[in-house]
Amino acid sequence: MVQDLLAHRTDNLAYLNSQIPKRRGKKISHELRAELDNTRRSIQFHRALISPWRRLPMEIISEIFLFTLERRDMKGNHWNDDRDGTLLLCKICSVWRAIALRTPALWNVL
């Protein structure tokens, strides 16, 4: 369903882009620009919905978070504060924040 909607939006974007050369020498209307922008945002949103990482279980993403923070320490790179890495994960998006907040091992350094 999402893929069908994405295909429709992509076709619509191609159509809208094909209208631009027809307006060469003319000002592109505010409505056309707005529709192009909205269509691009919709495509970006729907691509995000079907991205592979969304199919990963929360437990796997938690392990990736833990591994990433441990890996930085092993390389001798340190966050400015022990909490910085965990707090950064919380700032990426609401899904990552929810996963980080449900991963107690990330907060052991507090």
PDB file of N, CA and C in Angstrom:
ATOM      1  N   MET A   1       0.817  -1.181   0.000  1.00  0.00           N
ATOM      2  CA  MET A   1       0.000   0.000   0.000  1.00  0.00           C
ATOM      3  C   MET A   1       0.869   1.257   0.000  1.00  0.00           C
ATOM      4  N   VAL A   2       1.837   1.319   0.891  1.00  0.00           N
ATOM      5  CA  VAL A   2       2.732   2.475   0.929  1.00  0.00           C
ATOM      6  C   VAL A   2       3.530   2.555  -0.366  1.00  0.00           C
ATOM      7  N   GLN A   3       3.956   1.398  -0.860  1.00  0.00           N
ATOM      8  CA  GLN A   3       4.732   1.392  -2.104  1.00  0.00           C
ATOM      9  C   GLN A   3       3.888   1.860  -3.285  1.00  0.00           C
ATOM     10  N   ASP A   4       2.603   1.517  -3.291  1.00  0.00           N
ATOM     11  CA  ASP A   4       1.716   1.991  -4.356  1.00  0.00           C
ATOM     12  C   ASP A   4       1.558   3.508  -4.289  1.00  0.00           C
ATOM     13  N   LEU A   5       1.379   4.008  -3.080  1.00  0.00           N
ATOM     14  CA  LEU A   5       1.257   5.453  -2.901  1.00  0.00           C
ATOM     15  C   LEU A   5       2.547   6.155  -3.302  1.00  0.00           C
ATOM     16  N   LEU A   6       3.668   5.567  -2.938  1.00  0.00           N
ATOM     17  CA  LEU A   6       4.967   6.132  -3.306  1.00  0.00           C
ATOM     18  C   LEU A   6       5.131   6.159  -4.827  1.00  0.00           C
ATOM     19  N   ALA A   7       4.731   5.092  -5.495  1.00  0.00           N
ATOM     20  CA  ALA A   7       4.815   5.052  -6.962  1.00  0.00           C
ATOM     21  C   ALA A   7       3.927   6.129  -7.579  1.00  0.00           C
ATOM     22  N   HIS A   8       2.736   6.304  -7.021  1.00  0.00           N
ATOM     23  CA  HIS A   8       1.828   7.341  -7.524  1.00  0.00           C
ATOM     24  C   HIS A   8       2.435   8.731  -7.334  1.00  0.00           C
ATOM     25  N   ARG A   9       2.993   8.982  -6.158  1.00  0.00           N
ATOM     26  CA  ARG A   9       3.614  10.289  -5.885  1.00  0.00           C
ATOM     27  C   ARG A   9       4.807  10.536  -6.807  1.00  0.00           C
ATOM     28  N   THR A  10       5.586   9.496  -7.054  1.00  0.00           N
ATOM     29  CA  THR A  10       6.748   9.624  -7.936  1.00  0.00           C
ATOM     30  C   THR A  10       6.301   9.942  -9.362  1.00  0.00           C
ATOM     31  N   ASP A  11       5.247   9.286  -9.819  1.00  0.00           N
ATOM     32  CA  ASP A  11       4.693   9.594 -11.144  1.00  0.00           C
ATOM     33  C   ASP A  11       4.191  11.031 -11.199  1.00  0.00           C
ATOM     34  N   ASN A  12       3.528  11.453 -10.137  1.00  0.00           N
ATOM     35  CA  ASN A  12       3.018  12.821 -10.077  1.00  0.00           C
ATOM     36  C   ASN A  12       4.164  13.830 -10.112  1.00  0.00           C
ATOM     37  N   LEU A  13       5.252  13.522  -9.404  1.00  0.00           N
ATOM     38  CA  LEU A  13       6.411  14.410  -9.413  1.00  0.00           C
ATOM     39  C   LEU A  13       7.000  14.512 -10.818  1.00  0.00           C
ATOM     40  N   ALA A  14       7.086  13.395 -11.514  1.00  0.00           N
ATOM     41  CA  ALA A  14       7.597  13.412 -12.888  1.00  0.00           C
ATOM     42  C   ALA A  14       6.706  14.279 -13.776  1.00  0.00           C
ATOM     43  N   TYR A  15       5.401  14.156 -13.597  1.00  0.00           N
ATOM     44  CA  TYR A  15       4.472  14.983 -14.377  1.00  0.00           C
ATOM     45  C   TYR A  15       4.677  16.465 -14.066  1.00  0.00           C
ATOM     46  N   LEU A  16       4.751  16.796 -12.778  1.00  0.00           N
ATOM     47  CA  LEU A  16       4.934  18.201 -12.392  1.00  0.00           C
ATOM     48  C   LEU A  16       6.246  18.753 -12.940  1.00  0.00           C
ATOM     49  N   ASN A  17       7.300  17.948 -12.868  1.00  0.00           N
ATOM     50  CA  ASN A  17       8.590  18.386 -13.413  1.00  0.00           C
ATOM     51  C   ASN A  17       8.515  18.584 -14.921  1.00  0.00           C
ATOM     52  N   SER A  18       7.682  17.798 -15.593  1.00  0.00           N
ATOM     53  CA  SER A  18       7.545  17.956 -17.045  1.00  0.00           C
ATOM     54  C   SER A  18       6.827  19.254 -17.404  1.00  0.00           C
ATOM     55  N   GLN A  19       6.118  19.817 -16.452  1.00  0.00           N
ATOM     56  CA  GLN A  19       5.406  21.070 -16.699  1.00  0.00           C
ATOM     57  C   GLN A  19       6.330  22.283 -16.649  1.00  0.00           C
ATOM     58  N   ILE A  20       7.467  22.142 -15.992  1.00  0.00           N
ATOM     59  CA  ILE A  20       8.388  23.275 -15.837  1.00  0.00           C
ATOM     60  C   ILE A  20       8.938  23.750 -17.178  1.00  0.00           C
ATOM     61  N   PRO A  21       9.454  22.866 -18.051  1.00  0.00           N
ATOM     62  CA  PRO A  21       9.975  23.357 -19.338  1.00  0.00           C
ATOM     63  C   PRO A  21       8.909  24.046 -20.190  1.00  0.00           C
ATOM     64  N   LYS A  22       7.671  23.643 -20.045  1.00  0.00           N
ATOM     65  CA  LYS A  22       6.581  24.264 -20.800  1.00  0.00           C
ATOM     66  C   LYS A  22       6.365  25.708 -20.373  1.00  0.00           C
ATOM     67  N   ARG A  23       6.858  26.041 -19.233  1.00  0.00           N
ATOM     68  CA  ARG A  23       6.699  27.392 -18.707  1.00  0.00           C
ATOM     69  C   ARG A  23       7.955  28.232 -18.879  1.00  0.00           C
ATOM     70  N   ARG A  24       8.892  27.730 -19.664  1.00  0.00           N
ATOM     71  CA  ARG A  24      10.144  28.458 -19.885  1.00  0.00           C
ATOM     72  C   ARG A  24       9.825  29.864 -20.378  1.00  0.00           C
ATOM     73  N   GLY A  25      10.445  30.814 -19.756  1.00  0.00           N
ATOM     74  CA  GLY A  25      10.175  32.204 -20.110  1.00  0.00           C
ATOM     75  C   GLY A  25       9.008  32.773 -19.327  1.00  0.00           C
ATOM     76  N   LYS A  26       8.243  31.904 -18.717  1.00  0.00           N
ATOM     77  CA  LYS A  26       7.133  32.353 -17.879  1.00  0.00           C
ATOM     78  C   LYS A  26       7.492  32.066 -16.428  1.00  0.00           C
ATOM     79  N   LYS A  27       6.909  32.798 -15.579  1.00  0.00           N
ATOM     80  CA  LYS A  27       7.142  32.570 -14.156  1.00  0.00           C
ATOM     81  C   LYS A  27       6.407  31.295 -13.724  1.00  0.00           C
ATOM     82  N   ILE A  28       7.111  30.436 -12.996  1.00  0.00           N
ATOM     83  CA  ILE A  28       6.475  29.228 -12.466  1.00  0.00           C
ATOM     84  C   ILE A  28       5.523  29.667 -11.357  1.00  0.00           C
ATOM     85  N   SER A  29       4.305  29.212 -11.446  1.00  0.00           N
ATOM     86  CA  SER A  29       3.286  29.662 -10.502  1.00  0.00           C
ATOM     87  C   SER A  29       3.603  29.205  -9.079  1.00  0.00           C
ATOM     88  N   HIS A  30       3.099  29.991  -8.176  1.00  0.00           N
ATOM     89  CA  HIS A  30       3.255  29.669  -6.750  1.00  0.00           C
ATOM     90  C   HIS A  30       2.616  28.309  -6.456  1.00  0.00           C
ATOM     91  N   GLU A  31       1.483  28.039  -7.107  1.00  0.00           N
ATOM     92  CA  GLU A  31       0.780  26.774  -6.891  1.00  0.00           C
ATOM     93  C   GLU A  31       1.614  25.583  -7.359  1.00  0.00           C
ATOM     94  N   LEU A  32       2.280  25.734  -8.524  1.00  0.00           N
ATOM     95  CA  LEU A  32       3.114  24.644  -9.034  1.00  0.00           C
ATOM     96  C   LEU A  32       4.297  24.392  -8.109  1.00  0.00           C
ATOM     97  N   ARG A  33       4.929  25.467  -7.651  1.00  0.00           N
ATOM     98  CA  ARG A  33       6.047  25.309  -6.702  1.00  0.00           C
ATOM     99  C   ARG A  33       5.581  24.615  -5.423  1.00  0.00           C
ATOM    100  N   ALA A  34       4.436  25.042  -4.911  1.00  0.00           N
ATOM    101  CA  ALA A  34       3.909  24.448  -3.679  1.00  0.00           C
ATOM    102  C   ALA A  34       3.583  22.969  -3.888  1.00  0.00           C
ATOM    103  N   GLU A  35       2.994  22.645  -5.038  1.00  0.00           N
ATOM    104  CA  GLU A  35       2.663  21.244  -5.310  1.00  0.00           C
ATOM    105  C   GLU A  35       3.920  20.394  -5.473  1.00  0.00           C
ATOM    106  N   LEU A  36       4.947  20.957  -6.126  1.00  0.00           N
ATOM    107  CA  LEU A  36       6.229  20.245  -6.241  1.00  0.00           C
ATOM    108  C   LEU A  36       6.822  19.981  -4.863  1.00  0.00           C
ATOM    109  N   ASP A  37       6.848  21.007  -4.020  1.00  0.00           N
ATOM    110  CA  ASP A  37       7.407  20.861  -2.668  1.00  0.00           C
ATOM    111  C   ASP A  37       6.627  19.833  -1.852  1.00  0.00           C
ATOM    112  N   ASN A  38       5.310  19.909  -1.915  1.00  0.00           N
ATOM    113  CA  ASN A  38       4.484  18.959  -1.161  1.00  0.00           C
ATOM    114  C   ASN A  38       4.684  17.532  -1.650  1.00  0.00           C
ATOM    115  N   THR A  39       4.787  17.373  -2.953  1.00  0.00           N
ATOM    116  CA  THR A  39       4.989  16.034  -3.514  1.00  0.00           C
ATOM    117  C   THR A  39       6.347  15.483  -3.113  1.00  0.00           C
ATOM    118  N   ARG A  40       7.381  16.313  -3.152  1.00  0.00           N
ATOM    119  CA  ARG A  40       8.720  15.867  -2.728  1.00  0.00           C
ATOM    120  C   ARG A  40       8.723  15.459  -1.258  1.00  0.00           C
ATOM    121  N   ARG A  41       8.077  16.264  -0.414  1.00  0.00           N
ATOM    122  CA  ARG A  41       8.008  15.929   1.016  1.00  0.00           C
ATOM    123  C   ARG A  41       7.247  14.616   1.238  1.00  0.00           C
ATOM    124  N   SER A  42       6.176  14.437   0.496  1.00  0.00           N
ATOM    125  CA  SER A  42       5.398  13.205   0.622  1.00  0.00           C
ATOM    126  C   SER A  42       6.223  11.988   0.211  1.00  0.00           C
ATOM    127  N   ILE A  43       6.978  12.122  -0.870  1.00  0.00           N
ATOM    128  CA  ILE A  43       7.843  11.026  -1.316  1.00  0.00           C
ATOM    129  C   ILE A  43       8.886  10.713  -0.249  1.00  0.00           C
ATOM    130  N   GLN A  44       9.491  11.743   0.300  1.00  0.00           N
ATOM    131  CA  GLN A  44      10.506  11.545   1.342  1.00  0.00           C
ATOM    132  C   GLN A  44       9.894  10.843   2.562  1.00  0.00           C
ATOM    133  N   PHE A  45       8.715  11.272   2.959  1.00  0.00           N
ATOM    134  CA  PHE A  45       8.034  10.677   4.106  1.00  0.00           C
ATOM    135  C   PHE A  45       7.727   9.199   3.856  1.00  0.00           C
ATOM    136  N   HIS A  46       7.199   8.886   2.683  1.00  0.00           N
ATOM    137  CA  HIS A  46       6.822   7.506   2.384  1.00  0.00           C
ATOM    138  C   HIS A  46       8.036   6.605   2.180  1.00  0.00           C
ATOM    139  N   ARG A  47       9.115   7.159   1.667  1.00  0.00           N
ATOM    140  CA  ARG A  47      10.350   6.366   1.571  1.00  0.00           C
ATOM    141  C   ARG A  47      10.860   6.021   2.961  1.00  0.00           C
ATOM    142  N   ALA A  48      10.738   6.976   3.872  1.00  0.00           N
ATOM    143  CA  ALA A  48      11.177   6.721   5.248  1.00  0.00           C
ATOM    144  C   ALA A  48      10.348   5.606   5.886  1.00  0.00           C
ATOM    145  N   LEU A  49       9.067   5.562   5.552  1.00  0.00           N
ATOM    146  CA  LEU A  49       8.197   4.525   6.120  1.00  0.00           C
ATOM    147  C   LEU A  49       8.613   3.117   5.725  1.00  0.00           C
ATOM    148  N   ILE A  50       9.172   2.971   4.537  1.00  0.00           N
ATOM    149  CA  ILE A  50       9.534   1.627   4.073  1.00  0.00           C
ATOM    150  C   ILE A  50      11.034   1.367   4.148  1.00  0.00           C
ATOM    151  N   SER A  51      11.756   2.239   4.836  1.00  0.00           N
ATOM    152  CA  SER A  51      13.201   2.041   4.934  1.00  0.00           C
ATOM    153  C   SER A  51      13.507   0.770   5.730  1.00  0.00           C
ATOM    154  N   PRO A  52      14.599   0.098   5.385  1.00  0.00           N
ATOM    155  CA  PRO A  52      14.925  -1.192   6.018  1.00  0.00           C
ATOM    156  C   PRO A  52      15.069  -1.128   7.536  1.00  0.00           C
ATOM    157  N   TRP A  53      15.576  -0.043   8.081  1.00  0.00           N
ATOM    158  CA  TRP A  53      15.798  -0.010   9.529  1.00  0.00           C
ATOM    159  C   TRP A  53      14.493  -0.090  10.296  1.00  0.00           C
ATOM    160  N   ARG A  54      13.387   0.320   9.705  1.00  0.00           N
ATOM    161  CA  ARG A  54      12.096   0.254  10.393  1.00  0.00           C
ATOM    162  C   ARG A  54      11.618  -1.183  10.595  1.00  0.00           C
ATOM    163  N   ARG A  55      12.196  -2.113   9.860  1.00  0.00           N
ATOM    164  CA  ARG A  55      11.808  -3.518  10.005  1.00  0.00           C
ATOM    165  C   ARG A  55      12.627  -4.228  11.084  1.00  0.00           C
ATOM    166  N   LEU A  56      13.627  -3.551  11.611  1.00  0.00           N
ATOM    167  CA  LEU A  56      14.449  -4.165  12.659  1.00  0.00           C
ATOM    168  C   LEU A  56      13.704  -4.139  13.989  1.00  0.00           C
ATOM    169  N   PRO A  57      13.793  -5.205  14.751  1.00  0.00           N
ATOM    170  CA  PRO A  57      13.193  -5.198  16.087  1.00  0.00           C
ATOM    171  C   PRO A  57      13.908  -4.187  16.987  1.00  0.00           C
ATOM    172  N   MET A  58      13.151  -3.656  17.937  1.00  0.00           N
ATOM    173  CA  MET A  58      13.704  -2.675  18.864  1.00  0.00           C
ATOM    174  C   MET A  58      14.953  -3.211  19.564  1.00  0.00           C
ATOM    175  N   GLU A  59      14.969  -4.496  19.887  1.00  0.00           N
ATOM    176  CA  GLU A  59      16.104  -5.086  20.599  1.00  0.00           C
ATOM    177  C   GLU A  59      17.387  -5.007  19.772  1.00  0.00           C
ATOM    178  N   ILE A  60      17.276  -5.193  18.470  1.00  0.00           N
ATOM    179  CA  ILE A  60      18.451  -5.115  17.586  1.00  0.00           C
ATOM    180  C   ILE A  60      18.962  -3.679  17.530  1.00  0.00           C
ATOM    181  N   ILE A  61      18.043  -2.730  17.408  1.00  0.00           N
ATOM    182  CA  ILE A  61      18.454  -1.319  17.364  1.00  0.00           C
ATOM    183  C   ILE A  61      19.116  -0.931  18.683  1.00  0.00           C
ATOM    184  N   SER A  62      18.587  -1.426  19.802  1.00  0.00           N
ATOM    185  CA  SER A  62      19.207  -1.163  21.111  1.00  0.00           C
ATOM    186  C   SER A  62      20.638  -1.679  21.149  1.00  0.00           C
ATOM    187  N   GLU A  63      20.837  -2.888  20.649  1.00  0.00           N
ATOM    188  CA  GLU A  63      22.189  -3.466  20.615  1.00  0.00           C
ATOM    189  C   GLU A  63      23.118  -2.639  19.730  1.00  0.00           C
ATOM    190  N   ILE A  64      22.606  -2.158  18.615  1.00  0.00           N
ATOM    191  CA  ILE A  64      23.415  -1.304  17.737  1.00  0.00           C
ATOM    192  C   ILE A  64      23.808  -0.032  18.477  1.00  0.00           C
ATOM    193  N   PHE A  65      22.870   0.557  19.203  1.00  0.00           N
ATOM    194  CA  PHE A  65      23.178   1.755  19.988  1.00  0.00           C
ATOM    195  C   PHE A  65      24.294   1.462  20.988  1.00  0.00           C
ATOM    196  N   LEU A  66      24.151   0.361  21.720  1.00  0.00           N
ATOM    197  CA  LEU A  66      25.158   0.001  22.725  1.00  0.00           C
ATOM    198  C   LEU A  66      26.515  -0.255  22.079  1.00  0.00           C
ATOM    199  N   PHE A  67      26.522  -0.980  20.986  1.00  0.00           N
ATOM    200  CA  PHE A  67      27.767  -1.274  20.287  1.00  0.00           C
ATOM    201  C   PHE A  67      28.432   0.005  19.798  1.00  0.00           C
ATOM    202  N   THR A  68      27.650   0.925  19.271  1.00  0.00           N
ATOM    203  CA  THR A  68      28.195   2.186  18.766  1.00  0.00           C
ATOM    204  C   THR A  68      28.886   2.965  19.878  1.00  0.00           C
ATOM    205  N   LEU A  69      28.250   3.054  21.028  1.00  0.00           N
ATOM    206  CA  LEU A  69      28.848   3.801  22.135  1.00  0.00           C
ATOM    207  C   LEU A  69      30.085   3.090  22.671  1.00  0.00           C
ATOM    208  N   GLU A  70      30.030   1.763  22.780  1.00  0.00           N
ATOM    209  CA  GLU A  70      31.199   1.001  23.242  1.00  0.00           C
ATOM    210  C   GLU A  70      32.342   1.118  22.249  1.00  0.00           C
ATOM    211  N   ARG A  71      32.026   1.100  20.985  1.00  0.00           N
ATOM    212  CA  ARG A  71      33.042   1.164  19.924  1.00  0.00           C
ATOM    213  C   ARG A  71      33.789   2.492  19.975  1.00  0.00           C
ATOM    214  N   ARG A  72      33.080   3.565  20.237  1.00  0.00           N
ATOM    215  CA  ARG A  72      33.742   4.872  20.333  1.00  0.00           C
ATOM    216  C   ARG A  72      34.753   4.860  21.477  1.00  0.00           C
ATOM    217  N   ASP A  73      34.370   4.275  22.596  1.00  0.00           N
ATOM    218  CA  ASP A  73      35.286   4.216  23.734  1.00  0.00           C
ATOM    219  C   ASP A  73      36.505   3.361  23.419  1.00  0.00           C
ATOM    220  N   MET A  74      36.322   2.263  22.697  1.00  0.00           N
ATOM    221  CA  MET A  74      37.438   1.378  22.360  1.00  0.00           C
ATOM    222  C   MET A  74      38.448   2.079  21.455  1.00  0.00           C
ATOM    223  N   LYS A  75      37.996   2.983  20.631  1.00  0.00           N
ATOM    224  CA  LYS A  75      38.895   3.690  19.722  1.00  0.00           C
ATOM    225  C   LYS A  75      39.604   4.855  20.415  1.00  0.00           C
ATOM    226  N   GLY A  76      39.269   5.080  21.646  1.00  0.00           N
ATOM    227  CA  GLY A  76      39.899   6.177  22.364  1.00  0.00           C
ATOM    228  C   GLY A  76      39.192   7.504  22.155  1.00  0.00           C
ATOM    229  N   ASN A  77      38.107   7.485  21.415  1.00  0.00           N
ATOM    230  CA  ASN A  77      37.309   8.697  21.249  1.00  0.00           C
ATOM    231  C   ASN A  77      36.333   8.773  22.407  1.00  0.00           C
ATOM    232  N   HIS A  78      36.245   9.912  22.981  1.00  0.00           N
ATOM    233  CA  HIS A  78      35.341  10.064  24.118  1.00  0.00           C
ATOM    234  C   HIS A  78      34.381  11.203  23.845  1.00  0.00           C
ATOM    235  N   TRP A  79      33.190  11.015  24.343  1.00  0.00           N
ATOM    236  CA  TRP A  79      32.231  12.103  24.283  1.00  0.00           C
ATOM    237  C   TRP A  79      32.688  13.151  25.292  1.00  0.00           C
ATOM    238  N   ASN A  80      32.228  14.372  25.169  1.00  0.00           N
ATOM    239  CA  ASN A  80      32.585  15.413  26.130  1.00  0.00           C
ATOM    240  C   ASN A  80      32.131  15.027  27.526  1.00  0.00           C
ATOM    241  N   ASP A  81      31.078  14.324  27.604  1.00  0.00           N
ATOM    242  CA  ASP A  81      30.514  13.878  28.864  1.00  0.00           C
ATOM    243  C   ASP A  81      30.028  12.453  28.610  1.00  0.00           C
ATOM    244  N   ASP A  82      30.024  11.634  29.620  1.00  0.00           N
ATOM    245  CA  ASP A  82      29.601  10.242  29.430  1.00  0.00           C
ATOM    246  C   ASP A  82      28.183  10.126  28.871  1.00  0.00           C
ATOM    247  N   ARG A  83      27.358  11.111  29.142  1.00  0.00           N
ATOM    248  CA  ARG A  83      25.968  11.052  28.687  1.00  0.00           C
ATOM    249  C   ARG A  83      25.787  11.556  27.264  1.00  0.00           C
ATOM    250  N   ASP A  84      26.774  12.261  26.699  1.00  0.00           N
ATOM    251  CA  ASP A  84      26.594  12.912  25.395  1.00  0.00           C
ATOM    252  C   ASP A  84      26.168  11.957  24.292  1.00  0.00           C
ATOM    253  N   GLY A  85      26.774  10.795  24.216  1.00  0.00           N
ATOM    254  CA  GLY A  85      26.422   9.842  23.164  1.00  0.00           C
ATOM    255  C   GLY A  85      24.984   9.379  23.274  1.00  0.00           C
ATOM    256  N   THR A  86      24.568   9.067  24.489  1.00  0.00           N
ATOM    257  CA  THR A  86      23.194   8.626  24.703  1.00  0.00           C
ATOM    258  C   THR A  86      22.217   9.753  24.411  1.00  0.00           C
ATOM    259  N   LEU A  87      22.547  10.945  24.855  1.00  0.00           N
ATOM    260  CA  LEU A  87      21.664  12.085  24.602  1.00  0.00           C
ATOM    261  C   LEU A  87      21.568  12.392  23.116  1.00  0.00           C
ATOM    262  N   LEU A  88      22.666  12.213  22.408  1.00  0.00           N
ATOM    263  CA  LEU A  88      22.641  12.426  20.960  1.00  0.00           C
ATOM    264  C   LEU A  88      21.674  11.449  20.293  1.00  0.00           C
ATOM    265  N   LEU A  89      21.698  10.193  20.702  1.00  0.00           N
ATOM    266  CA  LEU A  89      20.762   9.214  20.144  1.00  0.00           C
ATOM    267  C   LEU A  89      19.313   9.641  20.379  1.00  0.00           C
ATOM    268  N   CYS A  90      19.057  10.262  21.503  1.00  0.00           N
ATOM    269  CA  CYS A  90      17.698  10.705  21.827  1.00  0.00           C
ATOM    270  C   CYS A  90      17.244  11.880  20.968  1.00  0.00           C
ATOM    271  N   LYS A  91      18.182  12.573  20.365  1.00  0.00           N
ATOM    272  CA  LYS A  91      17.838  13.756  19.569  1.00  0.00           C
ATOM    273  C   LYS A  91      17.615  13.460  18.091  1.00  0.00           C
ATOM    274  N   ILE A  92      17.910  12.249  17.642  1.00  0.00           N
ATOM    275  CA  ILE A  92      17.798  11.929  16.214  1.00  0.00           C
ATOM    276  C   ILE A  92      16.344  11.962  15.755  1.00  0.00           C
ATOM    277  N   CYS A  93      15.490  11.221  16.399  1.00  0.00           N
ATOM    278  CA  CYS A  93      14.062  11.222  16.060  1.00  0.00           C
ATOM    279  C   CYS A  93      13.297  10.607  17.231  1.00  0.00           C
ATOM    280  N   SER A  94      11.988  10.710  17.178  1.00  0.00           N
ATOM    281  CA  SER A  94      11.175  10.218  18.294  1.00  0.00           C
ATOM    282  C   SER A  94      11.283   8.701  18.463  1.00  0.00           C
ATOM    283  N   VAL A  95      11.456   7.973  17.374  1.00  0.00           N
ATOM    284  CA  VAL A  95      11.594   6.514  17.467  1.00  0.00           C
ATOM    285  C   VAL A  95      12.890   6.161  18.184  1.00  0.00           C
ATOM    286  N   TRP A  96      13.991   6.809  17.781  1.00  0.00           N
ATOM    287  CA  TRP A  96      15.279   6.535  18.433  1.00  0.00           C
ATOM    288  C   TRP A  96      15.218   6.946  19.899  1.00  0.00           C
ATOM    289  N   ARG A  97      14.559   8.069  20.196  1.00  0.00           N
ATOM    290  CA  ARG A  97      14.449   8.506  21.592  1.00  0.00           C
ATOM    291  C   ARG A  97      13.713   7.446  22.404  1.00  0.00           C
ATOM    292  N   ALA A  98      12.608   6.937  21.874  1.00  0.00           N
ATOM    293  CA  ALA A  98      11.837   5.916  22.586  1.00  0.00           C
ATOM    294  C   ALA A  98      12.670   4.660  22.818  1.00  0.00           C
ATOM    295  N   ILE A  99      13.427   4.253  21.817  1.00  0.00           N
ATOM    296  CA  ILE A  99      14.273   3.058  21.964  1.00  0.00           C
ATOM    297  C   ILE A  99      15.363   3.307  22.999  1.00  0.00           C
ATOM    298  N   ALA A 100      16.003   4.464  22.924  1.00  0.00           N
ATOM    299  CA  ALA A 100      17.072   4.782  23.881  1.00  0.00           C
ATOM    300  C   ALA A 100      16.529   4.830  25.308  1.00  0.00           C
ATOM    301  N   LEU A 101      15.358   5.411  25.483  1.00  0.00           N
ATOM    302  CA  LEU A 101      14.775   5.498  26.822  1.00  0.00           C
ATOM    303  C   LEU A 101      14.384   4.127  27.365  1.00  0.00           C
ATOM    304  N   ARG A 102      14.143   3.177  26.479  1.00  0.00           N
ATOM    305  CA  ARG A 102      13.786   1.811  26.892  1.00  0.00           C
ATOM    306  C   ARG A 102      14.996   0.889  26.955  1.00  0.00           C
ATOM    307  N   THR A 103      16.179   1.455  26.863  1.00  0.00           N
ATOM    308  CA  THR A 103      17.411   0.658  26.916  1.00  0.00           C
ATOM    309  C   THR A 103      18.202   1.078  28.154  1.00  0.00           C
ATOM    310  N   PRO A 104      17.955   0.445  29.297  1.00  0.00           N
ATOM    311  CA  PRO A 104      18.598   0.852  30.545  1.00  0.00           C
ATOM    312  C   PRO A 104      20.124   0.870  30.480  1.00  0.00           C
ATOM    313  N   ALA A 105      20.721  -0.035  29.723  1.00  0.00           N
ATOM    314  CA  ALA A 105      22.187  -0.105  29.665  1.00  0.00           C
ATOM    315  C   ALA A 105      22.798   1.179  29.108  1.00  0.00           C
ATOM    316  N   LEU A 106      22.049   1.925  28.318  1.00  0.00           N
ATOM    317  CA  LEU A 106      22.565   3.197  27.796  1.00  0.00           C
ATOM    318  C   LEU A 106      22.714   4.236  28.900  1.00  0.00           C
ATOM    319  N   TRP A 107      21.955   4.072  29.952  1.00  0.00           N
ATOM    320  CA  TRP A 107      21.919   5.074  31.014  1.00  0.00           C
ATOM    321  C   TRP A 107      22.756   4.670  32.231  1.00  0.00           C
ATOM    322  N   ASN A 108      23.499   3.583  32.140  1.00  0.00           N
ATOM    323  CA  ASN A 108      24.325   3.124  33.260  1.00  0.00           C
ATOM    324  C   ASN A 108      25.415   4.110  33.635  1.00  0.00           C
ATOM    325  N   VAL A 109      25.802   4.978  32.715  1.00  0.00           N
ATOM    326  CA  VAL A 109      26.911   5.897  32.985  1.00  0.00           C
ATOM    327  C   VAL A 109      26.496   7.092  33.820  1.00  0.00           C
ATOM    328  N   LEU A 110      25.209   7.261  34.054  1.00  0.00           N
ATOM    329  CA  LEU A 110      24.747   8.443  34.793  1.00  0.00           C
ATOM    330  C   LEU A 110      25.140   8.414  36.236  1.00  0.00           C
TER     331      LEU A 110
END
